[in-house]
N, C-alpha and C. Protein backbone atom coordinates (compact mmCIF):
# COMPACT_ATOMS: atom_id res chain seq x y z
N MET A 1 22.46 -38.41 10.99
CA MET A 1 23.14 -37.21 11.21
C MET A 1 22.47 -36.07 10.39
N ASN A 2 21.99 -36.60 9.21
CA ASN A 2 21.30 -35.47 8.34
C ASN A 2 20.09 -34.94 8.85
N ALA A 3 19.17 -35.62 9.55
CA ALA A 3 18.07 -35.18 10.19
C ALA A 3 18.33 -34.09 11.27
N PHE A 4 19.44 -34.47 11.99
CA PHE A 4 19.83 -33.65 13.09
C PHE A 4 20.42 -32.29 12.60
N ARG A 5 21.08 -32.33 11.43
CA ARG A 5 21.70 -31.02 10.83
C ARG A 5 20.44 -30.25 10.38
N THR A 6 19.52 -30.74 9.65
CA THR A 6 18.27 -30.07 9.21
C THR A 6 17.46 -29.56 10.37
N SER A 7 17.25 -30.17 11.39
CA SER A 7 16.63 -29.65 12.52
C SER A 7 17.42 -28.42 13.19
N ALA A 8 18.76 -28.66 13.29
CA ALA A 8 19.59 -27.47 13.79
C ALA A 8 19.39 -26.35 13.07
N VAL A 9 19.48 -26.57 11.68
CA VAL A 9 19.18 -25.28 10.83
C VAL A 9 17.88 -24.72 10.77
N ALA A 10 16.93 -25.41 10.90
CA ALA A 10 15.66 -25.08 11.10
C ALA A 10 15.35 -24.22 12.47
N LEU A 11 15.86 -24.75 13.53
CA LEU A 11 15.91 -24.19 14.69
C LEU A 11 16.59 -22.68 14.66
N ALA A 12 17.77 -22.76 14.29
CA ALA A 12 18.62 -21.49 14.13
C ALA A 12 17.95 -20.46 13.25
N THR A 13 17.30 -20.91 12.13
CA THR A 13 16.58 -19.90 11.39
C THR A 13 15.32 -19.53 12.08
N THR A 14 14.71 -20.20 12.68
CA THR A 14 13.50 -19.80 13.55
C THR A 14 13.85 -18.72 14.69
N LEU A 15 15.03 -19.10 15.26
CA LEU A 15 15.46 -18.15 16.30
C LEU A 15 15.89 -16.76 15.67
N ALA A 16 16.47 -16.84 14.48
CA ALA A 16 16.92 -15.59 13.86
C ALA A 16 15.81 -14.67 13.40
N PHE A 17 14.85 -15.46 12.74
CA PHE A 17 13.57 -14.66 12.28
C PHE A 17 12.83 -14.18 13.60
N GLY A 18 12.75 -14.95 14.55
CA GLY A 18 12.20 -14.43 15.75
C GLY A 18 12.74 -13.22 16.46
N SER A 19 13.95 -13.31 16.46
CA SER A 19 14.65 -12.02 17.07
C SER A 19 14.53 -10.81 16.21
N PHE A 20 14.53 -11.14 14.87
CA PHE A 20 14.24 -9.96 14.01
C PHE A 20 12.91 -9.46 14.17
N ALA A 21 12.04 -10.21 14.18
CA ALA A 21 10.63 -9.80 14.43
C ALA A 21 10.33 -9.07 15.83
N ALA A 22 11.08 -9.59 16.67
CA ALA A 22 10.95 -8.91 18.03
C ALA A 22 11.52 -7.59 17.98
N VAL A 23 12.54 -7.30 17.17
CA VAL A 23 13.32 -6.07 17.18
C VAL A 23 12.43 -5.08 16.21
N ALA A 24 11.71 -5.68 15.15
CA ALA A 24 11.04 -4.92 14.29
C ALA A 24 9.79 -4.46 14.81
N ALA A 25 9.20 -5.29 15.66
CA ALA A 25 7.65 -4.97 15.98
C ALA A 25 7.68 -3.75 16.82
N PRO A 26 8.42 -3.35 17.76
CA PRO A 26 8.29 -2.02 18.37
C PRO A 26 8.31 -0.88 17.69
N SER A 27 9.29 -0.93 16.56
CA SER A 27 9.35 0.21 15.70
C SER A 27 8.03 0.44 14.88
N ALA A 28 7.49 -0.76 14.35
CA ALA A 28 6.19 -0.66 13.67
C ALA A 28 5.00 -0.25 14.51
N ILE A 29 5.08 -0.54 15.69
CA ILE A 29 4.05 0.01 16.71
C ILE A 29 4.16 1.45 16.88
N ALA A 30 5.52 1.79 17.05
CA ALA A 30 5.85 3.25 17.50
C ALA A 30 5.26 4.24 16.23
N LYS A 31 5.57 3.75 15.09
CA LYS A 31 5.02 4.57 13.80
C LYS A 31 3.52 4.82 13.98
N GLY A 32 2.87 3.72 14.08
CA GLY A 32 1.47 3.64 13.99
C GLY A 32 0.83 4.41 12.89
N PRO A 33 -0.61 4.46 12.95
CA PRO A 33 -1.22 5.26 11.90
C PRO A 33 -1.10 6.62 12.10
N SER A 34 -1.22 7.52 11.08
CA SER A 34 -1.16 9.02 11.13
C SER A 34 -2.50 9.48 11.96
N ASN A 35 -2.39 10.46 12.72
CA ASN A 35 -3.49 10.87 13.61
C ASN A 35 -4.44 11.80 12.66
N ALA A 36 -3.99 12.12 11.47
CA ALA A 36 -4.82 12.89 10.63
C ALA A 36 -6.15 11.97 10.31
N PRO A 37 -7.45 12.56 10.39
CA PRO A 37 -8.49 11.88 10.25
C PRO A 37 -8.72 11.37 8.81
N CYS A 38 -8.07 12.10 7.78
CA CYS A 38 -8.42 11.59 6.52
C CYS A 38 -7.08 11.14 5.85
N ALA A 39 -6.17 10.77 6.51
CA ALA A 39 -4.89 10.43 6.09
C ALA A 39 -4.92 9.15 5.09
N THR A 40 -5.79 8.04 5.55
CA THR A 40 -5.99 6.96 4.73
C THR A 40 -6.49 7.27 3.28
N GLN A 41 -7.56 8.24 3.27
CA GLN A 41 -8.12 8.44 2.02
C GLN A 41 -7.24 9.38 1.20
N GLN A 42 -6.41 10.24 1.73
CA GLN A 42 -5.37 11.03 1.05
C GLN A 42 -4.28 9.97 0.41
N ALA A 43 -3.92 8.99 1.19
CA ALA A 43 -2.88 7.99 0.67
C ALA A 43 -3.51 7.19 -0.47
N GLN A 44 -4.80 6.81 -0.35
CA GLN A 44 -5.38 6.20 -1.46
C GLN A 44 -5.47 6.85 -2.76
N VAL A 45 -5.86 8.23 -2.62
CA VAL A 45 -5.93 9.20 -3.73
C VAL A 45 -4.61 9.29 -4.42
N ASP A 46 -3.47 9.49 -3.58
CA ASP A 46 -2.16 9.65 -4.04
C ASP A 46 -1.64 8.33 -4.72
N LYS A 47 -1.98 7.16 -4.23
CA LYS A 47 -1.59 5.90 -4.80
C LYS A 47 -2.37 5.68 -6.10
N ALA A 48 -3.69 5.99 -6.13
CA ALA A 48 -4.37 5.84 -7.30
C ALA A 48 -4.05 6.73 -8.45
N THR A 49 -3.64 7.93 -7.94
CA THR A 49 -3.25 8.84 -9.00
C THR A 49 -1.92 8.52 -9.74
N ALA A 50 -1.06 8.14 -8.74
CA ALA A 50 0.25 7.68 -9.27
C ALA A 50 0.21 6.44 -10.26
N LYS A 51 -0.61 5.53 -9.86
CA LYS A 51 -0.85 4.32 -10.73
C LYS A 51 -1.56 4.76 -12.13
N LEU A 52 -2.46 5.70 -12.15
CA LEU A 52 -3.01 6.21 -13.37
C LEU A 52 -1.93 6.90 -14.20
N ASP A 53 -1.11 7.70 -13.70
CA ASP A 53 -0.02 8.30 -14.40
C ASP A 53 0.96 7.23 -14.95
N ALA A 54 1.23 6.30 -14.16
CA ALA A 54 2.01 5.14 -14.63
C ALA A 54 1.50 4.53 -15.86
N LEU A 55 0.18 4.22 -15.69
CA LEU A 55 -0.55 3.44 -16.79
C LEU A 55 -0.54 4.43 -18.01
N LYS A 56 -0.74 5.68 -17.92
CA LYS A 56 -0.86 6.55 -19.06
C LYS A 56 0.53 6.62 -19.85
N ALA A 57 1.61 6.64 -19.04
CA ALA A 57 2.88 6.68 -19.59
C ALA A 57 3.30 5.44 -20.19
N LYS A 58 2.93 4.20 -19.58
CA LYS A 58 3.13 2.86 -20.05
C LYS A 58 2.42 2.64 -21.47
N PHE A 59 1.20 2.90 -21.43
CA PHE A 59 0.27 2.71 -22.64
C PHE A 59 0.28 3.72 -23.71
N ALA A 60 0.99 4.82 -23.49
CA ALA A 60 1.02 5.93 -24.52
C ALA A 60 1.47 5.43 -26.00
N ALA A 61 2.48 4.44 -25.84
CA ALA A 61 3.02 4.09 -27.18
C ALA A 61 2.07 3.03 -27.87
N HIS A 62 1.40 2.14 -27.12
CA HIS A 62 0.56 1.13 -27.70
C HIS A 62 -0.89 1.17 -27.10
N PRO A 63 -1.73 2.12 -27.70
CA PRO A 63 -2.95 2.11 -27.25
C PRO A 63 -3.92 1.06 -27.74
N THR A 64 -4.24 0.03 -26.95
CA THR A 64 -4.89 -1.01 -27.40
C THR A 64 -6.39 -0.87 -26.57
N LYS A 65 -7.30 -1.79 -27.03
CA LYS A 65 -8.70 -1.64 -26.34
C LYS A 65 -8.37 -2.05 -24.83
N LYS A 66 -7.62 -3.10 -24.52
CA LYS A 66 -7.40 -3.64 -23.29
C LYS A 66 -6.70 -2.48 -22.35
N ASN A 67 -5.70 -1.80 -23.00
CA ASN A 67 -5.04 -0.59 -22.26
C ASN A 67 -6.10 0.45 -21.93
N LYS A 68 -6.83 0.74 -22.90
CA LYS A 68 -7.82 1.82 -22.73
C LYS A 68 -8.80 1.39 -21.65
N LYS A 69 -9.22 0.18 -21.56
CA LYS A 69 -10.10 -0.29 -20.42
C LYS A 69 -9.40 -0.14 -19.12
N ALA A 70 -8.23 -0.49 -19.05
CA ALA A 70 -7.34 -0.51 -17.82
C ALA A 70 -7.28 1.06 -17.28
N LYS A 71 -6.96 1.90 -18.32
CA LYS A 71 -6.84 3.30 -17.90
C LYS A 71 -8.25 3.96 -17.37
N LYS A 72 -9.19 3.44 -18.15
CA LYS A 72 -10.54 3.87 -17.71
C LYS A 72 -10.97 3.53 -16.29
N ALA A 73 -10.58 2.20 -16.11
CA ALA A 73 -10.95 1.62 -14.71
C ALA A 73 -10.00 2.36 -13.63
N GLN A 74 -8.79 2.67 -13.94
CA GLN A 74 -8.01 3.25 -13.00
C GLN A 74 -8.46 4.74 -12.67
N ALA A 75 -8.92 5.45 -13.85
CA ALA A 75 -9.55 6.85 -13.62
C ALA A 75 -10.83 6.63 -12.79
N GLN A 76 -11.50 5.65 -12.88
CA GLN A 76 -12.64 5.55 -12.00
C GLN A 76 -12.32 5.34 -10.54
N ARG A 77 -11.18 4.61 -10.41
CA ARG A 77 -10.72 4.38 -9.10
C ARG A 77 -10.27 5.73 -8.38
N VAL A 78 -9.56 6.60 -9.24
CA VAL A 78 -9.24 7.88 -8.79
C VAL A 78 -10.34 8.59 -8.37
N ARG A 79 -11.34 8.62 -9.17
CA ARG A 79 -12.63 9.51 -8.97
C ARG A 79 -13.26 8.94 -7.58
N HIS A 80 -13.41 7.68 -7.32
CA HIS A 80 -14.05 7.19 -6.19
C HIS A 80 -13.17 7.52 -4.90
N ALA A 81 -11.84 7.51 -5.10
CA ALA A 81 -10.99 7.87 -4.05
C ALA A 81 -11.12 9.30 -3.70
N ASN A 82 -11.18 10.12 -4.69
CA ASN A 82 -11.28 11.59 -4.32
C ASN A 82 -12.69 11.81 -3.84
N GLU A 83 -13.78 11.14 -4.22
CA GLU A 83 -15.06 11.26 -3.61
C GLU A 83 -15.02 10.84 -2.10
N ARG A 84 -14.33 9.75 -1.74
CA ARG A 84 -14.03 9.43 -0.25
C ARG A 84 -13.34 10.37 0.42
N LEU A 85 -12.36 10.92 -0.15
CA LEU A 85 -11.52 12.01 0.53
C LEU A 85 -12.25 13.28 0.72
N ASN A 86 -13.18 13.71 -0.24
CA ASN A 86 -14.00 14.97 0.00
C ASN A 86 -15.00 14.60 1.10
N LYS A 87 -15.55 13.42 1.04
CA LYS A 87 -16.57 13.09 2.13
C LYS A 87 -15.88 13.06 3.56
N CYS A 88 -14.75 12.66 3.59
CA CYS A 88 -14.13 12.73 4.82
C CYS A 88 -13.68 14.17 5.29
N LEU A 89 -13.23 14.87 4.36
CA LEU A 89 -12.93 16.33 4.62
C LEU A 89 -14.18 17.06 5.08
N ALA A 90 -15.30 16.85 4.37
CA ALA A 90 -16.51 17.32 4.90
C ALA A 90 -16.92 17.01 6.19
N ALA A 91 -16.77 15.75 6.63
CA ALA A 91 -16.96 15.43 8.00
C ALA A 91 -16.12 15.83 9.06
N HIS A 92 -14.95 16.11 8.58
CA HIS A 92 -13.86 16.70 9.54
C HIS A 92 -13.20 18.04 9.04
N PRO A 93 -14.08 19.06 9.29
CA PRO A 93 -13.68 20.35 8.69
C PRO A 93 -12.26 20.87 9.17
N ALA A 94 -12.00 20.52 10.53
CA ALA A 94 -10.72 20.98 11.19
C ALA A 94 -9.52 20.33 10.47
N ALA A 95 -9.72 19.13 9.80
CA ALA A 95 -8.65 18.54 9.16
C ALA A 95 -8.21 19.21 7.82
N ALA A 96 -8.92 20.09 7.22
CA ALA A 96 -8.83 20.67 6.03
C ALA A 96 -7.77 21.74 5.93
């Protein structure tokens, strides 16, 4: 009886998750990616800048060598993300 109950619970769970996925999938497809040509690069710049600001705030009280390296690495990521965004904007002047 225990194996039957376990199988029934597994089947019910699978059906529940499957129906949830079926409902969620069309809304995810409907949103889709932004039509702006440089939206991905802009999102990366925003995310990297936010992370850098968070690191600066977090490590302000305890500036260790490891923390300084982390901030330096994140600053470099921000710089590279800005370079990619600028390159994209130069390639798509109408997007600017």
